[in-house]
N, C-alpha and C. Protein backbone atom coordinates (compact mmCIF):
# COMPACT_ATOMS: atom_id res chain seq x y z
N MET A 1 -4.02 -228.79 84.80
CA MET A 1 -4.28 -227.55 85.47
C MET A 1 -5.78 -227.41 85.63
N ASN A 2 -6.20 -227.44 86.84
CA ASN A 2 -7.62 -227.34 87.13
C ASN A 2 -8.06 -225.88 87.07
N THR A 3 -9.17 -225.65 86.42
CA THR A 3 -9.73 -224.31 86.36
C THR A 3 -11.15 -224.39 86.87
N PRO A 4 -11.61 -223.33 87.54
CA PRO A 4 -12.99 -223.35 88.01
C PRO A 4 -13.94 -223.35 86.82
N SER A 5 -15.19 -223.74 87.07
CA SER A 5 -16.14 -223.75 85.96
C SER A 5 -16.34 -222.32 85.48
N HIS A 6 -16.62 -222.18 84.22
CA HIS A 6 -16.73 -220.87 83.60
C HIS A 6 -17.76 -220.93 82.48
N PRO A 7 -18.31 -219.79 82.12
CA PRO A 7 -19.27 -219.79 81.01
C PRO A 7 -18.56 -220.15 79.72
N PRO A 8 -19.28 -220.67 78.74
CA PRO A 8 -18.64 -221.03 77.47
C PRO A 8 -18.09 -219.79 76.76
N SER A 9 -17.11 -220.01 75.93
CA SER A 9 -16.52 -218.92 75.15
C SER A 9 -17.54 -218.40 74.15
N GLU A 10 -17.47 -217.11 73.87
CA GLU A 10 -18.34 -216.51 72.85
C GLU A 10 -17.78 -216.71 71.44
N TYR A 11 -16.59 -217.30 71.35
CA TYR A 11 -15.92 -217.52 70.07
C TYR A 11 -16.10 -218.95 69.59
N ASP A 12 -16.09 -219.13 68.29
CA ASP A 12 -16.17 -220.45 67.68
C ASP A 12 -14.82 -221.15 67.89
N LEU A 13 -14.82 -222.23 68.63
CA LEU A 13 -13.59 -222.97 68.91
C LEU A 13 -13.49 -224.26 68.10
N THR A 14 -14.31 -224.37 67.06
CA THR A 14 -14.24 -225.54 66.19
C THR A 14 -12.84 -225.63 65.60
N PRO A 15 -12.16 -226.76 65.77
CA PRO A 15 -10.81 -226.88 65.20
C PRO A 15 -10.82 -226.65 63.69
N LEU A 16 -9.78 -225.97 63.22
CA LEU A 16 -9.66 -225.74 61.79
C LEU A 16 -9.35 -227.04 61.07
N THR A 17 -9.81 -227.14 59.84
CA THR A 17 -9.42 -228.27 59.01
C THR A 17 -7.98 -228.05 58.57
N ALA A 18 -7.35 -229.09 58.07
CA ALA A 18 -5.98 -228.97 57.57
C ALA A 18 -5.92 -227.95 56.43
N ALA A 19 -6.93 -227.94 55.57
CA ALA A 19 -6.95 -227.00 54.45
C ALA A 19 -7.08 -225.56 54.95
N GLU A 20 -7.93 -225.33 55.96
CA GLU A 20 -8.08 -223.98 56.52
C GLU A 20 -6.78 -223.51 57.17
N ARG A 21 -6.14 -224.41 57.90
CA ARG A 21 -4.88 -224.06 58.56
C ARG A 21 -3.80 -223.76 57.54
N ASP A 22 -3.72 -224.58 56.49
CA ASP A 22 -2.73 -224.36 55.44
C ASP A 22 -2.95 -223.03 54.74
N ALA A 23 -4.21 -222.68 54.51
CA ALA A 23 -4.51 -221.41 53.86
C ALA A 23 -4.06 -220.24 54.73
N LEU A 24 -4.31 -220.29 56.03
CA LEU A 24 -3.87 -219.23 56.92
C LEU A 24 -2.34 -219.17 57.02
N ALA A 25 -1.70 -220.32 56.98
CA ALA A 25 -0.25 -220.39 57.12
C ALA A 25 0.49 -219.79 55.93
N GLN A 26 -0.18 -219.63 54.81
CA GLN A 26 0.48 -219.06 53.63
C GLN A 26 0.97 -217.64 53.89
N ASP A 27 0.34 -216.93 54.83
CA ASP A 27 0.72 -215.55 55.13
C ASP A 27 1.82 -215.45 56.19
N LEU A 28 2.28 -216.56 56.72
CA LEU A 28 3.30 -216.53 57.77
C LEU A 28 4.70 -216.34 57.19
N THR A 29 5.56 -215.67 57.95
CA THR A 29 6.97 -215.57 57.59
C THR A 29 7.64 -216.91 57.91
N ALA A 30 8.87 -217.07 57.48
CA ALA A 30 9.61 -218.30 57.78
C ALA A 30 9.76 -218.50 59.29
N GLU A 31 10.05 -217.43 60.02
CA GLU A 31 10.19 -217.53 61.48
C GLU A 31 8.87 -217.88 62.15
N GLU A 32 7.78 -217.26 61.70
CA GLU A 32 6.46 -217.59 62.26
C GLU A 32 6.12 -219.05 61.99
N ARG A 33 6.42 -219.55 60.82
CA ARG A 33 6.18 -220.96 60.50
C ARG A 33 6.98 -221.87 61.42
N ARG A 34 8.25 -221.55 61.61
CA ARG A 34 9.13 -222.38 62.46
C ARG A 34 8.58 -222.47 63.88
N VAL A 35 8.11 -221.36 64.41
CA VAL A 35 7.62 -221.34 65.79
C VAL A 35 6.20 -221.89 65.89
N ILE A 36 5.28 -221.35 65.11
CA ILE A 36 3.86 -221.69 65.25
C ILE A 36 3.54 -223.10 64.76
N LEU A 37 4.09 -223.49 63.63
CA LEU A 37 3.75 -224.79 63.04
C LEU A 37 4.67 -225.92 63.47
N HIS A 38 5.89 -225.59 63.93
CA HIS A 38 6.87 -226.62 64.23
C HIS A 38 7.42 -226.52 65.65
N GLN A 39 6.66 -225.91 66.56
CA GLN A 39 6.98 -225.83 67.99
C GLN A 39 8.36 -225.24 68.25
N GLY A 40 8.72 -224.21 67.51
CA GLY A 40 10.00 -223.54 67.73
C GLY A 40 9.90 -222.53 68.86
N THR A 41 11.03 -221.89 69.14
CA THR A 41 11.09 -220.83 70.15
C THR A 41 11.90 -219.68 69.58
N GLU A 42 11.38 -218.47 69.71
CA GLU A 42 12.15 -217.32 69.28
C GLU A 42 13.20 -217.01 70.35
N PRO A 43 14.30 -216.36 69.96
CA PRO A 43 15.31 -216.01 70.95
C PRO A 43 14.74 -215.04 71.99
N PRO A 44 15.22 -215.13 73.23
CA PRO A 44 14.72 -214.24 74.28
C PRO A 44 15.10 -212.79 74.02
N PHE A 45 14.30 -211.89 74.54
CA PHE A 45 14.53 -210.44 74.53
C PHE A 45 14.53 -209.82 73.13
N CYS A 46 13.97 -210.51 72.14
CA CYS A 46 13.96 -209.92 70.80
C CYS A 46 12.55 -209.86 70.21
N GLY A 47 11.56 -210.42 70.87
CA GLY A 47 10.21 -210.45 70.33
C GLY A 47 9.58 -209.06 70.27
N GLY A 48 8.86 -208.81 69.22
CA GLY A 48 8.25 -207.51 69.00
C GLY A 48 7.18 -207.12 70.01
N LEU A 49 6.63 -208.07 70.73
CA LEU A 49 5.56 -207.74 71.69
C LEU A 49 6.03 -207.80 73.14
N LEU A 50 7.30 -208.03 73.35
CA LEU A 50 7.82 -208.14 74.72
C LEU A 50 7.55 -206.87 75.52
N LYS A 51 7.75 -205.71 74.91
CA LYS A 51 7.60 -204.44 75.63
C LYS A 51 6.26 -203.76 75.37
N GLU A 52 5.32 -204.46 74.75
CA GLU A 52 4.00 -203.88 74.47
C GLU A 52 3.27 -203.63 75.78
N LYS A 53 2.91 -202.36 76.03
CA LYS A 53 2.28 -202.00 77.30
C LYS A 53 0.89 -201.39 77.12
N ARG A 54 0.45 -201.19 75.89
CA ARG A 54 -0.86 -200.58 75.67
C ARG A 54 -1.98 -201.53 76.06
N ALA A 55 -3.15 -200.95 76.37
CA ALA A 55 -4.33 -201.76 76.65
C ALA A 55 -4.80 -202.39 75.34
N GLY A 56 -5.16 -203.66 75.41
CA GLY A 56 -5.64 -204.34 74.22
C GLY A 56 -5.68 -205.84 74.40
N VAL A 57 -5.74 -206.54 73.28
CA VAL A 57 -5.88 -208.00 73.29
C VAL A 57 -4.78 -208.63 72.44
N PHE A 58 -4.16 -209.67 72.98
CA PHE A 58 -3.18 -210.47 72.27
C PHE A 58 -3.90 -211.69 71.72
N SER A 59 -3.83 -211.89 70.41
CA SER A 59 -4.56 -212.97 69.75
C SER A 59 -3.60 -213.90 69.04
N CYS A 60 -4.10 -215.06 68.64
CA CYS A 60 -3.32 -216.03 67.89
C CYS A 60 -2.94 -215.42 66.54
N ARG A 61 -1.67 -215.44 66.21
CA ARG A 61 -1.18 -214.89 64.94
C ARG A 61 -1.76 -215.66 63.75
N LEU A 62 -2.01 -216.95 63.92
CA LEU A 62 -2.48 -217.76 62.80
C LEU A 62 -3.97 -217.60 62.56
N CYS A 63 -4.80 -217.74 63.60
CA CYS A 63 -6.26 -217.75 63.38
C CYS A 63 -7.01 -216.57 63.98
N GLY A 64 -6.35 -215.75 64.79
CA GLY A 64 -7.00 -214.57 65.35
C GLY A 64 -7.79 -214.77 66.63
N LEU A 65 -7.80 -215.96 67.19
CA LEU A 65 -8.54 -216.21 68.44
C LEU A 65 -7.91 -215.40 69.57
N PRO A 66 -8.71 -214.62 70.33
CA PRO A 66 -8.16 -213.88 71.47
C PRO A 66 -7.58 -214.85 72.51
N LEU A 67 -6.36 -214.56 72.96
CA LEU A 67 -5.68 -215.45 73.89
C LEU A 67 -5.42 -214.82 75.26
N PHE A 68 -5.04 -213.54 75.28
CA PHE A 68 -4.71 -212.86 76.53
C PHE A 68 -5.09 -211.38 76.44
N ARG A 69 -5.52 -210.82 77.55
CA ARG A 69 -5.77 -209.38 77.66
C ARG A 69 -4.50 -208.72 78.21
N SER A 70 -4.30 -207.47 77.86
CA SER A 70 -3.11 -206.76 78.32
C SER A 70 -3.04 -206.68 79.85
N GLU A 71 -4.19 -206.65 80.52
CA GLU A 71 -4.19 -206.57 81.99
C GLU A 71 -3.55 -207.79 82.64
N ALA A 72 -3.46 -208.89 81.91
CA ALA A 72 -2.87 -210.12 82.44
C ALA A 72 -1.38 -210.23 82.14
N LYS A 73 -0.81 -209.25 81.43
CA LYS A 73 0.60 -209.28 81.06
C LYS A 73 1.43 -208.76 82.22
N PHE A 74 2.59 -209.35 82.43
CA PHE A 74 3.50 -208.89 83.48
C PHE A 74 4.94 -209.10 83.02
N GLU A 75 5.84 -208.38 83.66
CA GLU A 75 7.25 -208.49 83.34
C GLU A 75 7.86 -209.63 84.15
N SER A 76 8.22 -210.71 83.45
CA SER A 76 8.76 -211.88 84.13
C SER A 76 10.28 -211.89 84.17
N GLY A 77 10.91 -211.07 83.32
CA GLY A 77 12.36 -211.06 83.26
C GLY A 77 12.94 -212.20 82.45
N THR A 78 12.07 -213.00 81.81
CA THR A 78 12.53 -214.17 81.06
C THR A 78 12.92 -213.87 79.63
N GLY A 79 12.46 -212.73 79.11
CA GLY A 79 12.75 -212.40 77.72
C GLY A 79 11.62 -212.71 76.75
N TRP A 80 10.52 -213.22 77.26
CA TRP A 80 9.34 -213.50 76.44
C TRP A 80 8.12 -212.86 77.08
N PRO A 81 7.14 -212.44 76.28
CA PRO A 81 5.90 -211.91 76.86
C PRO A 81 5.28 -212.95 77.80
N SER A 82 4.89 -212.48 78.98
CA SER A 82 4.34 -213.38 80.00
C SER A 82 3.00 -212.87 80.49
N PHE A 83 2.10 -213.80 80.75
CA PHE A 83 0.74 -213.49 81.18
C PHE A 83 0.37 -214.43 82.32
N HIS A 84 -0.55 -213.99 83.19
CA HIS A 84 -0.97 -214.86 84.30
C HIS A 84 -2.34 -215.49 84.08
N THR A 85 -3.15 -214.95 83.17
CA THR A 85 -4.51 -215.45 82.99
C THR A 85 -4.89 -215.39 81.52
N PRO A 86 -5.40 -216.48 80.95
CA PRO A 86 -5.83 -216.42 79.55
C PRO A 86 -7.12 -215.61 79.36
N TYR A 87 -7.35 -215.18 78.15
CA TYR A 87 -8.58 -214.46 77.78
C TYR A 87 -9.80 -215.27 78.19
N HIS A 88 -9.78 -216.54 77.87
CA HIS A 88 -10.81 -217.51 78.27
C HIS A 88 -10.11 -218.86 78.42
N PRO A 89 -10.39 -219.60 79.46
CA PRO A 89 -9.69 -220.88 79.68
C PRO A 89 -9.77 -221.85 78.50
N ASP A 90 -10.88 -221.81 77.77
CA ASP A 90 -11.04 -222.76 76.66
C ASP A 90 -10.26 -222.37 75.42
N HIS A 91 -9.62 -221.20 75.41
CA HIS A 91 -8.87 -220.76 74.24
C HIS A 91 -7.46 -221.33 74.18
N ILE A 92 -7.04 -221.98 75.25
CA ILE A 92 -5.69 -222.54 75.34
C ILE A 92 -5.79 -224.05 75.48
N ARG A 93 -4.94 -224.75 74.74
CA ARG A 93 -4.83 -226.21 74.84
C ARG A 93 -3.49 -226.54 75.48
N TYR A 94 -3.47 -227.54 76.35
CA TYR A 94 -2.29 -227.89 77.11
C TYR A 94 -1.81 -229.28 76.70
N LEU A 95 -0.50 -229.41 76.46
CA LEU A 95 0.10 -230.70 76.10
C LEU A 95 1.37 -230.92 76.92
N ARG A 96 1.58 -232.13 77.33
CA ARG A 96 2.81 -232.47 78.04
C ARG A 96 3.96 -232.45 77.03
N ASP A 97 5.03 -231.77 77.37
CA ASP A 97 6.18 -231.60 76.49
C ASP A 97 7.41 -232.19 77.18
N LEU A 98 7.96 -233.24 76.61
CA LEU A 98 9.13 -233.90 77.18
C LEU A 98 10.40 -233.61 76.39
N SER A 99 10.36 -232.62 75.51
CA SER A 99 11.51 -232.30 74.66
C SER A 99 12.63 -231.63 75.47
N HIS A 100 13.82 -231.67 74.93
CA HIS A 100 14.99 -231.00 75.50
C HIS A 100 15.33 -231.47 76.90
N GLY A 101 14.97 -232.71 77.24
CA GLY A 101 15.32 -233.27 78.54
C GLY A 101 14.56 -232.65 79.71
N MET A 102 13.44 -232.00 79.43
CA MET A 102 12.65 -231.34 80.47
C MET A 102 11.22 -231.87 80.43
N VAL A 103 10.51 -231.65 81.53
CA VAL A 103 9.07 -231.91 81.57
C VAL A 103 8.41 -230.55 81.69
N ARG A 104 7.67 -230.17 80.64
CA ARG A 104 7.01 -228.87 80.61
C ARG A 104 5.59 -229.04 80.09
N THR A 105 4.82 -227.97 80.16
CA THR A 105 3.48 -227.97 79.59
C THR A 105 3.47 -226.98 78.43
N GLU A 106 3.32 -227.52 77.24
CA GLU A 106 3.23 -226.70 76.03
C GLU A 106 1.83 -226.12 75.96
N ILE A 107 1.72 -224.90 75.45
CA ILE A 107 0.40 -224.32 75.21
C ILE A 107 0.24 -224.06 73.72
N ARG A 108 -0.98 -224.36 73.24
CA ARG A 108 -1.33 -224.15 71.84
C ARG A 108 -2.69 -223.47 71.75
N CYS A 109 -2.93 -222.85 70.62
CA CYS A 109 -4.24 -222.26 70.36
C CYS A 109 -5.26 -223.38 70.25
N ALA A 110 -6.37 -223.23 70.96
CA ALA A 110 -7.39 -224.28 70.96
C ALA A 110 -8.08 -224.43 69.61
N ARG A 111 -8.09 -223.39 68.79
CA ARG A 111 -8.79 -223.47 67.50
C ARG A 111 -7.88 -223.97 66.38
N CYS A 112 -6.68 -223.41 66.24
CA CYS A 112 -5.84 -223.77 65.09
C CYS A 112 -4.68 -224.68 65.45
N ASP A 113 -4.46 -224.93 66.73
CA ASP A 113 -3.39 -225.79 67.22
C ASP A 113 -2.00 -225.19 67.02
N GLY A 114 -1.94 -223.87 66.80
CA GLY A 114 -0.65 -223.21 66.66
C GLY A 114 0.10 -223.18 67.99
N HIS A 115 1.42 -223.42 67.91
CA HIS A 115 2.26 -223.40 69.11
C HIS A 115 2.39 -221.97 69.61
N LEU A 116 2.16 -221.80 70.92
CA LEU A 116 2.24 -220.47 71.54
C LEU A 116 3.47 -220.34 72.43
N GLY A 117 3.77 -221.36 73.19
CA GLY A 117 4.87 -221.33 74.16
C GLY A 117 4.65 -222.39 75.21
N HIS A 118 4.90 -222.02 76.47
CA HIS A 118 4.74 -222.96 77.59
C HIS A 118 4.14 -222.23 78.78
N VAL A 119 3.59 -223.00 79.72
CA VAL A 119 3.06 -222.43 80.95
C VAL A 119 3.81 -223.07 82.12
N PHE A 120 4.12 -222.23 83.11
CA PHE A 120 4.87 -222.65 84.29
C PHE A 120 4.12 -222.21 85.55
N ASP A 121 4.42 -222.86 86.65
CA ASP A 121 3.70 -222.57 87.89
C ASP A 121 4.46 -221.61 88.80
N ASP A 122 5.20 -220.68 88.20
CA ASP A 122 5.96 -219.71 88.99
C ASP A 122 5.51 -218.27 88.71
N GLY A 123 4.25 -218.09 88.40
CA GLY A 123 3.72 -216.76 88.07
C GLY A 123 3.12 -216.06 89.28
N PRO A 124 2.67 -214.84 89.04
CA PRO A 124 2.09 -214.03 90.11
C PRO A 124 0.62 -214.36 90.36
N PRO A 125 0.04 -213.81 91.44
CA PRO A 125 -1.40 -213.92 91.63
C PRO A 125 -2.12 -213.25 90.47
N PRO A 126 -3.30 -213.59 90.13
CA PRO A 126 -4.19 -214.43 90.94
C PRO A 126 -4.06 -215.93 90.64
N THR A 127 -3.34 -216.31 89.58
CA THR A 127 -3.32 -217.73 89.19
C THR A 127 -2.07 -218.46 89.64
N GLY A 128 -0.97 -217.74 89.85
CA GLY A 128 0.30 -218.39 90.14
C GLY A 128 0.93 -219.02 88.91
N LEU A 129 0.36 -218.73 87.74
CA LEU A 129 0.88 -219.29 86.50
C LEU A 129 1.61 -218.24 85.68
N ARG A 130 2.58 -218.69 84.89
CA ARG A 130 3.30 -217.83 83.95
C ARG A 130 3.17 -218.45 82.56
N TYR A 131 2.29 -217.86 81.76
CA TYR A 131 2.15 -218.26 80.38
C TYR A 131 3.24 -217.52 79.61
N CYS A 132 4.22 -218.25 79.13
CA CYS A 132 5.40 -217.70 78.48
C CYS A 132 5.21 -217.87 76.97
N LEU A 133 5.05 -216.76 76.25
CA LEU A 133 4.65 -216.79 74.85
C LEU A 133 5.74 -216.32 73.91
N ASN A 134 5.73 -216.84 72.71
CA ASN A 134 6.55 -216.33 71.63
C ASN A 134 5.81 -215.15 71.01
N SER A 135 6.49 -214.01 70.85
CA SER A 135 5.84 -212.85 70.22
C SER A 135 5.33 -213.18 68.83
N VAL A 136 6.08 -214.00 68.07
CA VAL A 136 5.66 -214.30 66.69
C VAL A 136 4.40 -215.15 66.65
N SER A 137 4.01 -215.73 67.76
CA SER A 137 2.77 -216.52 67.82
C SER A 137 1.55 -215.64 68.06
N LEU A 138 1.79 -214.35 68.30
CA LEU A 138 0.72 -213.44 68.69
C LEU A 138 0.57 -212.27 67.72
N SER A 139 -0.62 -211.72 67.71
CA SER A 139 -0.85 -210.40 67.12
C SER A 139 -1.46 -209.56 68.23
N PHE A 140 -1.32 -208.25 68.14
CA PHE A 140 -1.84 -207.37 69.18
C PHE A 140 -2.79 -206.38 68.57
N THR A 141 -3.95 -206.23 69.21
CA THR A 141 -4.93 -205.24 68.80
C THR A 141 -5.16 -204.30 69.98
N PRO A 142 -4.74 -203.02 69.83
CA PRO A 142 -4.97 -202.08 70.93
C PRO A 142 -6.44 -201.77 71.07
N ASP A 143 -6.83 -201.47 72.31
CA ASP A 143 -8.20 -201.02 72.56
C ASP A 143 -8.43 -199.72 71.80
N ALA A 144 -9.66 -199.47 71.44
CA ALA A 144 -10.00 -198.25 70.73
C ALA A 144 -9.70 -197.05 71.61
N ASP A 145 -9.17 -196.01 71.00
CA ASP A 145 -8.88 -194.77 71.73
C ASP A 145 -10.21 -194.12 72.11
N PRO A 146 -10.42 -193.82 73.41
CA PRO A 146 -11.71 -193.28 73.85
C PRO A 146 -11.99 -191.86 73.37
N THR A 147 -11.00 -191.17 72.79
CA THR A 147 -11.23 -189.80 72.35
C THR A 147 -11.76 -189.72 70.94
């Protein structure tokens, strides 16, 4: 997936060591471990962030790296939170996924290598992409209330 040139991320994208990743993983539930560490998928229409509509940032559940802004979220009808544009292009890692008899593009967190979901080329403008995420792979931080 070609992306136009962009300024570098303001976040440290140094890959975590195995020890750092293991330490963060200690706080995960069994379901979060299955999805994030072992490329699982949560069932559709049950994720806690599917209906999240507040302004804010969706970050990696494992390491906290910002992955998507709420403005990029859209209703895809697939049963998983969907986004058209990442927070920063360098925050997402792409891998060819040949599992389950399909050819797909898996997406992972660029810093901790946690499994996020997949990206498809059937999304809305401006990118035409649909980043299909597991809710358990994400945490959500609402924008500060202006009042």
